[in-house]
Amino acid sequence: MREPAARLLSRRSFIRTTAALTAGFAAPAVLRVRAAYAAYPERTVKVIVANTPGGPSDIVGRIVTAALQQATGKTFIIENRGGAGGNIGMGFAAHAEPDGYTILLATNAYSINVGLYHQIPYDPYKDFVPISELAASPNTFVVRSELPATTMKEFVALARAEPAKYNCATPPIGTAAQIQLEVLKLKENLPQLEDVVFKGGGDAFAALLAGTVQLSSGSLPPAQPHIKVGTCRCLAVTGDARWPDLAEVPTMQEQGYKDFVFATDTVLLAPAKTPPKIVAWLEQETLKVLATPEMKDKLYQTGFQVRPKGAKDAWARVTREIELYKDIIDQAGIKKM
């Protein structure tokens, strides 16, 4: 039996009224959430660099954060937390509040440390989400100009002739530059070439300038100004091609070292539970500033090539390198710590 029309109208009115009231209660909550995302960031965003000031990741971080600040009108700062091969800074970022106000600028050490340490303070697959790739630089082997060596083979000959006289400065254990030295020592049978490890790439290169070490294994940025003015000589770059501004310097592969390719790559990551909309905003704004000619030129002048890749591609490289470096470490016989 059909209900009376008056009763149907009454029921429909009740449903419409209830829906309107529900929407009225829900709308402020939705608007608050939207407003929170729209306002982000309302305070300073800290970018954790897991190295000391002056190294390659610090250089890239300061250039990128300055550009983000100028482009967005928001505040971004670098916070250096070096030590333990980058594990201190990476562990700190992994356990930071996932609210978008603490993010990590990571290098290859993020992937390398998985195969180098028995324990690390972060889960490389679960504790972070990607934001964006930033820039990459080939690594180098550099000496002071007065040293009588113009190629890697000539340096190796000197080190073999007087093994007690030669040592090498590297950034922290677990960086690509430190790993490449260990690979060189194994390939050339130079067990007495001491690896003098520093907290950051800037500190390591300063030791070469001071004459306390005879060789630097590091990324290009700290070395490039001194190579340009002739204080230092680059024996080799370890990228897969020559660096345009150092066209006369051969790669390690060109000097007979097969598959000897190492670089310093930089990427932005956020703690895993950071809201996706915040991560997307950071990705979008970072890619915008990386795409500008000014940014490309500024990073190139410091020894980096911009690599404006989004979250998906950035994460693919990071996770792929975990297994790649595990294999390198195993094949080179480098002991876990």
C-alpha atoms as a PDB file:
ATOM      1  CA  MET A   1       0.000   0.000   0.000  1.00  0.00           C
ATOM      2  CA  ARG A   2       1.296   3.424  -0.922  1.00  0.00           C
ATOM      3  CA  GLU A   3       2.055   5.953   1.783  1.00  0.00           C
ATOM      4  CA  PRO A   4       0.015   9.141   1.796  1.00  0.00           C
ATOM      5  CA  ALA A   5       1.574  12.001  -0.185  1.00  0.00           C
ATOM      6  CA  ALA A   6       1.803  14.203   2.912  1.00  0.00           C
ATOM      7  CA  ARG A   7       3.821  11.568   4.736  1.00  0.00           C
ATOM      8  CA  LEU A   8       6.180  11.141   1.734  1.00  0.00           C
ATOM      9  CA  LEU A   9       6.773  14.875   1.574  1.00  0.00           C
ATOM     10  CA  SER A  10       7.416  14.950   5.301  1.00  0.00           C
ATOM     11  CA  ARG A  11       9.980  12.143   5.046  1.00  0.00           C
ATOM     12  CA  ARG A  12      11.712  13.792   2.096  1.00  0.00           C
ATOM     13  CA  SER A  13      11.872  17.072   3.968  1.00  0.00           C
ATOM     14  CA  PHE A  14      13.409  15.298   6.960  1.00  0.00           C
ATOM     15  CA  ILE A  15      16.069  13.650   4.758  1.00  0.00           C
ATOM     16  CA  ARG A  16      16.907  16.938   3.052  1.00  0.00           C
ATOM     17  CA  THR A  17      17.106  18.730   6.391  1.00  0.00           C
ATOM     18  CA  THR A  18      19.308  15.995   7.905  1.00  0.00           C
ATOM     19  CA  ALA A  19      21.631  16.017   4.878  1.00  0.00           C
ATOM     20  CA  ALA A  20      21.915  19.780   5.048  1.00  0.00           C
ATOM     21  CA  LEU A  21      22.725  19.694   8.757  1.00  0.00           C
ATOM     22  CA  THR A  22      25.294  16.908   8.239  1.00  0.00           C
ATOM     23  CA  ALA A  23      26.930  18.873   5.453  1.00  0.00           C
ATOM     24  CA  GLY A  24      26.898  21.914   7.662  1.00  0.00           C
ATOM     25  CA  PHE A  25      28.719  20.094  10.446  1.00  0.00           C
ATOM     26  CA  ALA A  26      31.172  18.400   8.047  1.00  0.00           C
ATOM     27  CA  ALA A  27      31.989  21.432   5.935  1.00  0.00           C
ATOM     28  CA  PRO A  28      34.016  23.305   8.572  1.00  0.00           C
ATOM     29  CA  ALA A  29      36.159  20.198   9.174  1.00  0.00           C
ATOM     30  CA  VAL A  30      36.776  19.731   5.452  1.00  0.00           C
ATOM     31  CA  LEU A  31      37.527  23.409   5.043  1.00  0.00           C
ATOM     32  CA  ARG A  32      39.946  23.314   7.974  1.00  0.00           C
ATOM     33  CA  VAL A  33      41.834  20.408   6.384  1.00  0.00           C
ATOM     34  CA  ARG A  34      41.917  22.141   3.016  1.00  0.00           C
ATOM     35  CA  ALA A  35      43.011  25.388   4.621  1.00  0.00           C
ATOM     36  CA  ALA A  36      45.820  23.583   6.456  1.00  0.00           C
ATOM     37  CA  TYR A  37      47.155  22.175   3.196  1.00  0.00           C
ATOM     38  CA  ALA A  38      46.678  25.490   1.408  1.00  0.00           C
ATOM     39  CA  ALA A  39      48.602  27.327   4.107  1.00  0.00           C
ATOM     40  CA  TYR A  40      51.505  24.846   4.208  1.00  0.00           C
ATOM     41  CA  PRO A  41      54.157  25.670   5.146  1.00  0.00           C
ATOM     42  CA  GLU A  42      53.087  28.057   7.881  1.00  0.00           C
ATOM     43  CA  ARG A  43      56.463  27.828   9.610  1.00  0.00           C
ATOM     44  CA  THR A  44      60.065  26.978   8.804  1.00  0.00           C
ATOM     45  CA  VAL A  45      60.787  23.799   6.856  1.00  0.00           C
ATOM     46  CA  LYS A  46      64.020  22.143   8.001  1.00  0.00           C
ATOM     47  CA  VAL A  47      66.023  20.289   5.373  1.00  0.00           C
ATOM     48  CA  ILE A  48      68.315  17.813   7.121  1.00  0.00           C
ATOM     49  CA  VAL A  49      71.738  17.390   5.514  1.00  0.00           C
ATOM     50  CA  ALA A  50      73.469  14.355   6.993  1.00  0.00           C
ATOM     51  CA  ASN A  51      76.926  15.900   6.543  1.00  0.00           C
ATOM     52  CA  THR A  52      78.937  18.847   7.792  1.00  0.00           C
ATOM     53  CA  PRO A  53      78.843  22.284   6.081  1.00  0.00           C
ATOM     54  CA  GLY A  54      80.844  22.774   2.884  1.00  0.00           C
ATOM     55  CA  GLY A  55      80.364  19.336   1.368  1.00  0.00           C
ATOM     56  CA  PRO A  56      78.453  18.569  -1.844  1.00  0.00           C
ATOM     57  CA  SER A  57      75.080  17.830  -0.257  1.00  0.00           C
ATOM     58  CA  ASP A  58      75.354  20.991   1.837  1.00  0.00           C
ATOM     59  CA  ILE A  59      76.191  23.061  -1.267  1.00  0.00           C
ATOM     60  CA  VAL A  60      73.222  21.697  -3.214  1.00  0.00           C
ATOM     61  CA  GLY A  61      70.952  22.047  -0.194  1.00  0.00           C
ATOM     62  CA  ARG A  62      71.745  25.709   0.358  1.00  0.00           C
ATOM     63  CA  ILE A  63      71.284  26.600  -3.314  1.00  0.00           C
ATOM     64  CA  VAL A  64      67.973  24.734  -3.599  1.00  0.00           C
ATOM     65  CA  THR A  65      66.509  25.963  -0.304  1.00  0.00           C
ATOM     66  CA  ALA A  66      67.394  29.568  -1.169  1.00  0.00           C
ATOM     67  CA  ALA A  67      65.593  29.160  -4.501  1.00  0.00           C
ATOM     68  CA  LEU A  68      62.553  27.546  -2.857  1.00  0.00           C
ATOM     69  CA  GLN A  69      62.376  30.346  -0.341  1.00  0.00           C
ATOM     70  CA  GLN A  70      62.529  33.005  -3.050  1.00  0.00           C
ATOM     71  CA  ALA A  71      60.001  31.250  -5.308  1.00  0.00           C
ATOM     72  CA  THR A  72      57.402  30.399  -2.658  1.00  0.00           C
ATOM     73  CA  GLY A  73      57.851  33.142  -0.086  1.00  0.00           C
ATOM     74  CA  LYS A  74      58.112  30.432   2.575  1.00  0.00           C
ATOM     75  CA  THR A  75      61.040  29.748   4.923  1.00  0.00           C
ATOM     76  CA  PHE A  76      63.426  26.849   4.290  1.00  0.00           C
ATOM     77  CA  ILE A  77      66.642  26.247   6.224  1.00  0.00           C
ATOM     78  CA  ILE A  78      69.454  23.694   6.193  1.00  0.00           C
ATOM     79  CA  GLU A  79      70.189  21.794   9.398  1.00  0.00           C
ATOM     80  CA  ASN A  80      73.500  19.881   9.298  1.00  0.00           C
ATOM     81  CA  ARG A  81      73.533  16.618  11.254  1.00  0.00           C
ATOM     82  CA  GLY A  82      76.721  14.867  10.216  1.00  0.00           C
ATOM     83  CA  GLY A  83      78.347  11.794  11.709  1.00  0.00           C
ATOM     84  CA  ALA A  84      78.376   7.978  11.512  1.00  0.00           C
ATOM     85  CA  GLY A  85      78.528   7.955   7.731  1.00  0.00           C
ATOM     86  CA  GLY A  86      75.340   9.996   7.481  1.00  0.00           C
ATOM     87  CA  ASN A  87      73.381   7.616   9.713  1.00  0.00           C
ATOM     88  CA  ILE A  88      72.862  10.226  12.433  1.00  0.00           C
ATOM     89  CA  GLY A  89      71.122  12.693  10.138  1.00  0.00           C
ATOM     90  CA  MET A  90      69.187  10.054   8.217  1.00  0.00           C
ATOM     91  CA  GLY A  91      68.022   8.383  11.425  1.00  0.00           C
ATOM     92  CA  PHE A  92      66.929  11.754  12.841  1.00  0.00           C
ATOM     93  CA  ALA A  93      64.888  12.548   9.730  1.00  0.00           C
ATOM     94  CA  ALA A  94      63.346   9.065   9.620  1.00  0.00           C
ATOM     95  CA  HIS A  95      61.881   9.514  13.106  1.00  0.00           C
ATOM     96  CA  ALA A  96      60.911  13.179  12.779  1.00  0.00           C
ATOM     97  CA  GLU A  97      57.264  14.228  12.955  1.00  0.00           C
ATOM     98  CA  PRO A  98      55.792  13.464   9.500  1.00  0.00           C
ATOM     99  CA  ASP A  99      54.201  16.882   9.099  1.00  0.00           C
ATOM    100  CA  GLY A 100      56.252  18.243   6.206  1.00  0.00           C
ATOM    101  CA  TYR A 101      58.392  20.489   8.406  1.00  0.00           C
ATOM    102  CA  THR A 102      61.398  18.135   8.532  1.00  0.00           C
ATOM    103  CA  ILE A 103      62.635  16.558   5.301  1.00  0.00           C
ATOM    104  CA  LEU A 104      65.901  14.900   4.277  1.00  0.00           C
ATOM    105  CA  LEU A 105      68.406  15.759   1.578  1.00  0.00           C
ATOM    106  CA  ALA A 106      70.088  12.403   0.978  1.00  0.00           C
ATOM    107  CA  THR A 107      73.066  11.307  -1.089  1.00  0.00           C
ATOM    108  CA  ASN A 108      74.043   7.827  -2.273  1.00  0.00           C
ATOM    109  CA  ALA A 109      75.004   7.077   1.337  1.00  0.00           C
ATOM    110  CA  TYR A 110      71.300   6.383   1.921  1.00  0.00           C
ATOM    111  CA  SER A 111      71.565   3.332  -0.357  1.00  0.00           C
ATOM    112  CA  ILE A 112      75.190   2.432   0.359  1.00  0.00           C
ATOM    113  CA  ASN A 113      74.775   2.168   4.136  1.00  0.00           C
ATOM    114  CA  VAL A 114      72.278  -0.666   3.754  1.00  0.00           C
ATOM    115  CA  GLY A 115      75.069  -2.955   2.555  1.00  0.00           C
ATOM    116  CA  LEU A 116      77.859  -1.382   4.600  1.00  0.00           C
ATOM    117  CA  TYR A 117      76.504  -1.490   8.156  1.00  0.00           C
ATOM    118  CA  HIS A 118      75.130  -4.375  10.173  1.00  0.00           C
ATOM    119  CA  GLN A 119      72.498  -2.006  11.556  1.00  0.00           C
ATOM    120  CA  ILE A 120      71.216   1.370  10.385  1.00  0.00           C
ATOM    121  CA  PRO A 121      68.709   3.656  12.149  1.00  0.00           C
ATOM    122  CA  TYR A 122      66.188   3.685   9.308  1.00  0.00           C
ATOM    123  CA  ASP A 123      64.350   1.244   7.069  1.00  0.00           C
ATOM    124  CA  PRO A 124      65.401   2.267   3.534  1.00  0.00           C
ATOM    125  CA  TYR A 125      62.184   0.951   1.994  1.00  0.00           C
ATOM    126  CA  LYS A 126      59.588   1.986   4.597  1.00  0.00           C
ATOM    127  CA  ASP A 127      60.730   5.046   6.556  1.00  0.00           C
ATOM    128  CA  PHE A 128      60.727   7.601   3.725  1.00  0.00           C
ATOM    129  CA  VAL A 129      58.762   8.668   0.670  1.00  0.00           C
ATOM    130  CA  PRO A 130      60.384  10.440  -2.295  1.00  0.00           C
ATOM    131  CA  ILE A 131      59.941  14.103  -3.184  1.00  0.00           C
ATOM    132  CA  SER A 132      62.357  14.844  -6.022  1.00  0.00           C
ATOM    133  CA  GLU A 133      65.771  14.164  -7.486  1.00  0.00           C
ATOM    134  CA  LEU A 134      67.932  17.305  -7.317  1.00  0.00           C
ATOM    135  CA  ALA A 135      71.360  17.208  -8.957  1.00  0.00           C
ATOM    136  CA  ALA A 136      74.342  14.940  -9.562  1.00  0.00           C
ATOM    137  CA  SER A 137      78.087  15.422  -9.738  1.00  0.00           C
ATOM    138  CA  PRO A 138      80.879  13.114 -10.863  1.00  0.00           C
ATOM    139  CA  ASN A 139      83.393  12.161  -8.223  1.00  0.00           C
ATOM    140  CA  THR A 140      87.078  12.905  -8.648  1.00  0.00           C
ATOM    141  CA  PHE A 141      90.607  12.008  -7.635  1.00  0.00           C
ATOM    142  CA  VAL A 142      92.556  15.217  -6.965  1.00  0.00           C
ATOM    143  CA  VAL A 143      96.120  16.065  -5.868  1.00  0.00           C
ATOM    144  CA  ARG A 144      97.941  19.279  -5.121  1.00  0.00           C
ATOM    145  CA  SER A 145      99.576  20.696  -8.249  1.00  0.00           C
ATOM    146  CA  GLU A 146     103.140  20.269  -6.983  1.00  0.00           C
ATOM    147  CA  LEU A 147     102.761  16.497  -6.736  1.00  0.00           C
ATOM    148  CA  PRO A 148     104.559  14.863  -9.701  1.00  0.00           C
ATOM    149  CA  ALA A 149     101.564  12.878 -10.948  1.00  0.00           C
ATOM    150  CA  THR A 150      99.296  13.776 -13.865  1.00  0.00           C
ATOM    151  CA  THR A 151      97.348  10.496 -14.185  1.00  0.00           C
ATOM    152  CA  MET A 152      95.979   7.882 -11.809  1.00  0.00           C
ATOM    153  CA  LYS A 153      98.589   5.358 -12.932  1.00  0.00           C
ATOM    154  CA  GLU A 154     101.362   7.828 -12.103  1.00  0.00           C
ATOM    155  CA  PHE A 155      99.900   8.404  -8.639  1.00  0.00           C
ATOM    156  CA  VAL A 156      99.601   4.633  -8.099  1.00  0.00           C
ATOM    157  CA  ALA A 157     103.296   4.251  -9.038  1.00  0.00           C
ATOM    158  CA  LEU A 158     104.272   6.885  -6.466  1.00  0.00           C
ATOM    159  CA  ALA A 159     102.160   5.233  -3.775  1.00  0.00           C
ATOM    160  CA  ARG A 160     103.673   1.838  -4.491  1.00  0.00           C
ATOM    161  CA  ALA A 161     107.232   3.178  -4.410  1.00  0.00           C
ATOM    162  CA  GLU A 162     106.767   4.894  -1.011  1.00  0.00           C
ATOM    163  CA  PRO A 163     103.624   3.439   0.568  1.00  0.00           C
ATOM    164  CA  ALA A 164     104.191   5.032   3.967  1.00  0.00           C
ATOM    165  CA  LYS A 165     104.245   8.499   2.428  1.00  0.00           C
ATOM    166  CA  TYR A 166     100.801   8.535   0.798  1.00  0.00           C
ATOM    167  CA  ASN A 167      97.275   8.696   2.149  1.00  0.00           C
ATOM    168  CA  CYS A 168      93.893   9.894   0.929  1.00  0.00           C
ATOM    169  CA  ALA A 169      91.152  12.087   2.363  1.00  0.00           C
ATOM    170  CA  THR A 170      87.542  11.018   1.878  1.00  0.00           C
ATOM    171  CA  PRO A 171      84.142  12.163   3.110  1.00  0.00           C
ATOM    172  CA  PRO A 172      82.306   9.884   5.560  1.00  0.00           C
ATOM    173  CA  ILE A 173      82.352   6.112   5.398  1.00  0.00           C
ATOM    174  CA  GLY A 174      79.529   4.989   3.151  1.00  0.00           C
ATOM    175  CA  THR A 175      79.680   7.855   0.672  1.00  0.00           C
ATOM    176  CA  ALA A 176      80.271   6.985  -2.977  1.00  0.00           C
ATOM    177  CA  ALA A 177      83.599   8.836  -2.800  1.00  0.00           C
ATOM    178  CA  GLN A 178      84.787   6.743   0.126  1.00  0.00           C
ATOM    179  CA  ILE A 179      83.663   3.500  -1.521  1.00  0.00           C
ATOM    180  CA  GLN A 180      85.466   4.388  -4.759  1.00  0.00           C
ATOM    181  CA  LEU A 181      88.762   4.758  -2.882  1.00  0.00           C
ATOM    182  CA  GLU A 182      88.365   1.295  -1.365  1.00  0.00           C
ATOM    183  CA  VAL A 183      87.682  -0.106  -4.832  1.00  0.00           C
ATOM    184  CA  LEU A 184      90.822   1.623  -6.189  1.00  0.00           C
ATOM    185  CA  LYS A 185      92.941   0.187  -3.368  1.00  0.00           C
ATOM    186  CA  LEU A 186      91.704  -3.304  -4.122  1.00  0.00           C
ATOM    187  CA  LYS A 187      92.116  -2.983  -7.891  1.00  0.00           C
ATOM    188  CA  GLU A 188      95.665  -1.637  -7.560  1.00  0.00           C
ATOM    189  CA  ASN A 189      96.684  -3.662  -4.490  1.00  0.00           C
ATOM    190  CA  LEU A 190      97.406  -0.612  -2.336  1.00  0.00           C
ATOM    191  CA  PRO A 191      96.501  -1.778   1.184  1.00  0.00           C
ATOM    192  CA  GLN A 192      98.827   0.789   2.773  1.00  0.00           C
ATOM    193  CA  LEU A 193      97.151   3.765   1.104  1.00  0.00           C
ATOM    194  CA  GLU A 194      95.433   4.992   4.229  1.00  0.00           C
ATOM    195  CA  ASP A 195      91.870   6.233   4.037  1.00  0.00           C
ATOM    196  CA  VAL A 196      91.634   9.335   6.232  1.00  0.00           C
ATOM    197  CA  VAL A 197      87.891   9.767   6.765  1.00  0.00           C
ATOM    198  CA  PHE A 198      86.319  13.145   7.550  1.00  0.00           C
ATOM    199  CA  LYS A 199      82.819  14.134   8.617  1.00  0.00           C
ATOM    200  CA  GLY A 200      82.138  15.919   5.337  1.00  0.00           C
ATOM    201  CA  GLY A 201      83.465  16.505   1.841  1.00  0.00           C
ATOM    202  CA  GLY A 202      84.469  20.081   2.624  1.00  0.00           C
ATOM    203  CA  ASP A 203      86.556  18.971   5.604  1.00  0.00           C
ATOM    204  CA  ALA A 204      88.178  16.224   3.535  1.00  0.00           C
ATOM    205  CA  PHE A 205      89.211  18.567   0.753  1.00  0.00           C
ATOM    206  CA  ALA A 206      90.543  21.104   3.256  1.00  0.00           C
ATOM    207  CA  ALA A 207      92.999  18.411   4.425  1.00  0.00           C
ATOM    208  CA  LEU A 208      94.382  18.142   0.878  1.00  0.00           C
ATOM    209  CA  LEU A 209      94.768  21.916   0.679  1.00  0.00           C
ATOM    210  CA  ALA A 210      96.578  21.886   4.021  1.00  0.00           C
ATOM    211  CA  GLY A 211      98.967  19.186   2.773  1.00  0.00           C
ATOM    212  CA  THR A 212      98.094  16.671   5.472  1.00  0.00           C
ATOM    213  CA  VAL A 213      97.000  14.162   2.792  1.00  0.00           C
ATOM    214  CA  GLN A 214      98.329  13.591  -0.719  1.00  0.00           C
ATOM    215  CA  LEU A 215      95.139  12.561  -2.521  1.00  0.00           C
ATOM    216  CA  SER A 216      91.478  13.500  -2.302  1.00  0.00           C
ATOM    217  CA  SER A 217      88.687  11.147  -3.289  1.00  0.00           C
ATOM    218  CA  GLY A 218      85.557  13.260  -3.357  1.00  0.00           C
ATOM    219  CA  SER A 219      82.858  14.915  -5.379  1.00  0.00           C
ATOM    220  CA  LEU A 220      83.680  17.703  -7.809  1.00  0.00           C
ATOM    221  CA  PRO A 221      82.095  20.768  -6.099  1.00  0.00           C
ATOM    222  CA  PRO A 222      84.585  21.330  -3.237  1.00  0.00           C
ATOM    223  CA  ALA A 223      87.516  20.742  -5.619  1.00  0.00           C
ATOM    224  CA  GLN A 224      86.416  22.634  -8.713  1.00  0.00           C
ATOM    225  CA  PRO A 225      87.418  26.198  -7.666  1.00  0.00           C
ATOM    226  CA  HIS A 226      90.918  25.007  -6.719  1.00  0.00           C
ATOM    227  CA  ILE A 227      91.313  23.045  -9.947  1.00  0.00           C
ATOM    228  CA  LYS A 228      90.305  26.109 -11.962  1.00  0.00           C
ATOM    229  CA  VAL A 229      92.906  28.370 -10.340  1.00  0.00           C
ATOM    230  CA  GLY A 230      95.640  25.725 -10.591  1.00  0.00           C
ATOM    231  CA  THR A 231      96.163  25.023  -6.887  1.00  0.00           C
ATOM    232  CA  CYS A 232      95.112  21.427  -7.457  1.00  0.00           C
ATOM    233  CA  ARG A 233      95.143  18.933 -10.303  1.00  0.00           C
ATOM    234  CA  CYS A 234      92.334  16.544 -11.142  1.00  0.00           C
ATOM    235  CA  LEU A 235      93.776  13.162 -12.098  1.00  0.00           C
ATOM    236  CA  ALA A 236      90.453  11.623 -13.095  1.00  0.00           C
ATOM    237  CA  VAL A 237      86.716  12.049 -12.951  1.00  0.00           C
ATOM    238  CA  THR A 238      84.698   8.970 -12.058  1.00  0.00           C
ATOM    239  CA  GLY A 239      81.572   9.783 -14.031  1.00  0.00           C
ATOM    240  CA  ASP A 240      80.586   7.960 -17.197  1.00  0.00           C
ATOM    241  CA  ALA A 241      81.781  10.913 -19.313  1.00  0.00           C
ATOM    242  CA  ARG A 242      84.234  13.809 -19.039  1.00  0.00           C
ATOM    243  CA  TRP A 243      83.047  16.909 -17.216  1.00  0.00           C
ATOM    244  CA  PRO A 244      82.573  19.748 -19.758  1.00  0.00           C
ATOM    245  CA  ASP A 245      84.589  22.304 -17.772  1.00  0.00           C
ATOM    246  CA  LEU A 246      87.418  19.770 -17.316  1.00  0.00           C
ATOM    247  CA  ALA A 247      87.440  18.420 -20.846  1.00  0.00           C
ATOM    248  CA  GLU A 248      91.154  17.611 -20.618  1.00  0.00           C
ATOM    249  CA  VAL A 249      90.667  15.298 -17.635  1.00  0.00           C
ATOM    250  CA  PRO A 250      89.933  11.668 -18.612  1.00  0.00           C
ATOM    251  CA  THR A 251      87.498   9.397 -16.832  1.00  0.00           C
ATOM    252  CA  MET A 252      88.690   6.417 -14.825  1.00  0.00           C
ATOM    253  CA  GLN A 253      87.302   4.147 -17.525  1.00  0.00           C
ATOM    254  CA  GLU A 254      89.399   5.935 -20.146  1.00  0.00           C
ATOM    255  CA  GLN A 255      92.458   5.279 -17.978  1.00  0.00           C
ATOM    256  CA  GLY A 256      91.847   1.536 -17.997  1.00  0.00           C
ATOM    257  CA  TYR A 257      89.605   1.063 -14.939  1.00  0.00           C
ATOM    258  CA  LYS A 258      86.664  -0.923 -16.263  1.00  0.00           C
ATOM    259  CA  ASP A 259      83.203  -0.070 -14.862  1.00  0.00           C
ATOM    260  CA  PHE A 260      84.743   2.478 -12.489  1.00  0.00           C
ATOM    261  CA  VAL A 261      81.782   4.874 -12.370  1.00  0.00           C
ATOM    262  CA  PHE A 262      80.812   6.697  -9.190  1.00  0.00           C
ATOM    263  CA  ALA A 263      78.890   9.913  -8.645  1.00  0.00           C
ATOM    264  CA  THR A 264      77.354  11.985  -5.894  1.00  0.00           C
ATOM    265  CA  ASP A 265      73.587  12.113  -6.375  1.00  0.00           C
ATOM    266  CA  THR A 266      71.206  14.158  -4.260  1.00  0.00           C
ATOM    267  CA  VAL A 267      67.518  13.587  -3.559  1.00  0.00           C
ATOM    268  CA  LEU A 268      64.818  14.993  -1.290  1.00  0.00           C
ATOM    269  CA  LEU A 269      62.900  12.536   0.906  1.00  0.00           C
ATOM    270  CA  ALA A 270      60.161  12.984   3.513  1.00  0.00           C
ATOM    271  CA  PRO A 271      59.243  10.846   6.536  1.00  0.00           C
ATOM    272  CA  ALA A 272      56.917   8.054   5.402  1.00  0.00           C
ATOM    273  CA  LYS A 273      53.610   9.272   6.865  1.00  0.00           C
ATOM    274  CA  THR A 274      53.915  12.842   5.596  1.00  0.00           C
ATOM    275  CA  PRO A 275      50.534  13.787   4.042  1.00  0.00           C
ATOM    276  CA  PRO A 276      50.584  13.080   0.289  1.00  0.00           C
ATOM    277  CA  LYS A 277      49.328  16.588  -0.553  1.00  0.00           C
ATOM    278  CA  ILE A 278      52.277  18.127   1.263  1.00  0.00           C
ATOM    279  CA  VAL A 279      54.717  15.783  -0.486  1.00  0.00           C
ATOM    280  CA  ALA A 280      53.108  16.671  -3.834  1.00  0.00           C
ATOM    281  CA  TRP A 281      53.449  20.398  -3.082  1.00  0.00           C
ATOM    282  CA  LEU A 282      57.137  19.986  -2.226  1.00  0.00           C
ATOM    283  CA  GLU A 283      57.713  17.954  -5.384  1.00  0.00           C
ATOM    284  CA  GLN A 284      55.946  20.497  -7.570  1.00  0.00           C
ATOM    285  CA  GLU A 285      57.752  23.521  -6.124  1.00  0.00           C
ATOM    286  CA  THR A 286      61.148  21.814  -6.213  1.00  0.00           C
ATOM    287  CA  LEU A 287      60.767  20.786  -9.848  1.00  0.00           C
ATOM    288  CA  LYS A 288      59.730  24.347 -10.705  1.00  0.00           C
ATOM    289  CA  VAL A 289      62.889  25.908  -9.294  1.00  0.00           C
ATOM    290  CA  LEU A 290      65.119  23.203 -10.776  1.00  0.00           C
ATOM    291  CA  ALA A 291      63.714  23.943 -14.241  1.00  0.00           C
ATOM    292  CA  THR A 292      64.888  27.557 -14.280  1.00  0.00           C
ATOM    293  CA  PRO A 293      67.998  28.475 -16.327  1.00  0.00           C
ATOM    294  CA  GLU A 294      69.348  30.366 -13.313  1.00  0.00           C
ATOM    295  CA  MET A 295      69.255  27.257 -11.141  1.00  0.00           C
ATOM    296  CA  LYS A 296      70.820  25.066 -13.806  1.00  0.00           C
ATOM    297  CA  ASP A 297      73.665  27.552 -14.260  1.00  0.00           C
ATOM    298  CA  LYS A 298      74.222  28.090 -10.544  1.00  0.00           C
ATOM    299  CA  LEU A 299      74.465  24.373  -9.816  1.00  0.00           C
ATOM    300  CA  TYR A 300      76.618  23.754 -12.891  1.00  0.00           C
ATOM    301  CA  GLN A 301      79.086  26.413 -11.757  1.00  0.00           C
ATOM    302  CA  THR A 302      79.507  24.519  -8.483  1.00  0.00           C
ATOM    303  CA  GLY A 303      80.061  21.179 -10.237  1.00  0.00           C
ATOM    304  CA  PHE A 304      76.549  19.756 -10.385  1.00  0.00           C
ATOM    305  CA  GLN A 305      74.198  18.963 -13.232  1.00  0.00           C
ATOM    306  CA  VAL A 306      70.513  19.463 -12.461  1.00  0.00           C
ATOM    307  CA  ARG A 307      68.496  16.264 -12.468  1.00  0.00           C
ATOM    308  CA  PRO A 308      64.866  17.431 -12.299  1.00  0.00           C
ATOM    309  CA  LYS A 309      63.160  14.082 -11.811  1.00  0.00           C
ATOM    310  CA  GLY A 310      59.967  13.629  -9.844  1.00  0.00           C
ATOM    311  CA  ALA A 311      59.193  11.350  -6.944  1.00  0.00           C
ATOM    312  CA  LYS A 312      58.658   8.138  -8.910  1.00  0.00           C
ATOM    313  CA  ASP A 313      61.937   8.317 -10.842  1.00  0.00           C
ATOM    314  CA  ALA A 314      63.874   9.491  -7.797  1.00  0.00           C
ATOM    315  CA  TRP A 315      62.681   6.532  -5.734  1.00  0.00           C
ATOM    316  CA  ALA A 316      63.455   4.104  -8.552  1.00  0.00           C
ATOM    317  CA  ARG A 317      67.117   5.215  -8.558  1.00  0.00           C
ATOM    318  CA  VAL A 318      67.454   5.173  -4.777  1.00  0.00           C
ATOM    319  CA  THR A 319      66.037   1.662  -4.380  1.00  0.00           C
ATOM    320  CA  ARG A 320      67.913   0.305  -7.409  1.00  0.00           C
ATOM    321  CA  GLU A 321      71.210   1.526  -5.941  1.00  0.00           C
ATOM    322  CA  ILE A 322      70.642  -0.385  -2.701  1.00  0.00           C
ATOM    323  CA  GLU A 323      71.275  -3.685  -4.481  1.00  0.00           C
ATOM    324  CA  LEU A 324      73.881  -2.162  -6.816  1.00  0.00           C
ATOM    325  CA  TYR A 325      76.064  -0.982  -3.934  1.00  0.00           C
ATOM    326  CA  LYS A 326      75.528  -4.172  -1.972  1.00  0.00           C
ATOM    327  CA  ASP A 327      77.096  -6.011  -4.906  1.00  0.00           C
ATOM    328  CA  ILE A 328      79.994  -3.520  -5.170  1.00  0.00           C
ATOM    329  CA  ILE A 329      80.710  -3.805  -1.445  1.00  0.00           C
ATOM    330  CA  ASP A 330      80.610  -7.607  -1.562  1.00  0.00           C
ATOM    331  CA  GLN A 331      82.761  -7.865  -4.699  1.00  0.00           C
ATOM    332  CA  ALA A 332      85.306  -5.412  -3.326  1.00  0.00           C
ATOM    333  CA  GLY A 333      85.535  -7.368  -0.072  1.00  0.00           C
ATOM    334  CA  ILE A 334      84.729  -4.319   2.055  1.00  0.00           C
ATOM    335  CA  LYS A 335      83.939  -5.407   5.607  1.00  0.00           C
ATOM    336  CA  LYS A 336      80.623  -4.503   7.174  1.00  0.00           C
ATOM    337  CA  MET A 337      80.652  -2.269  10.226  1.00  0.00           C
END
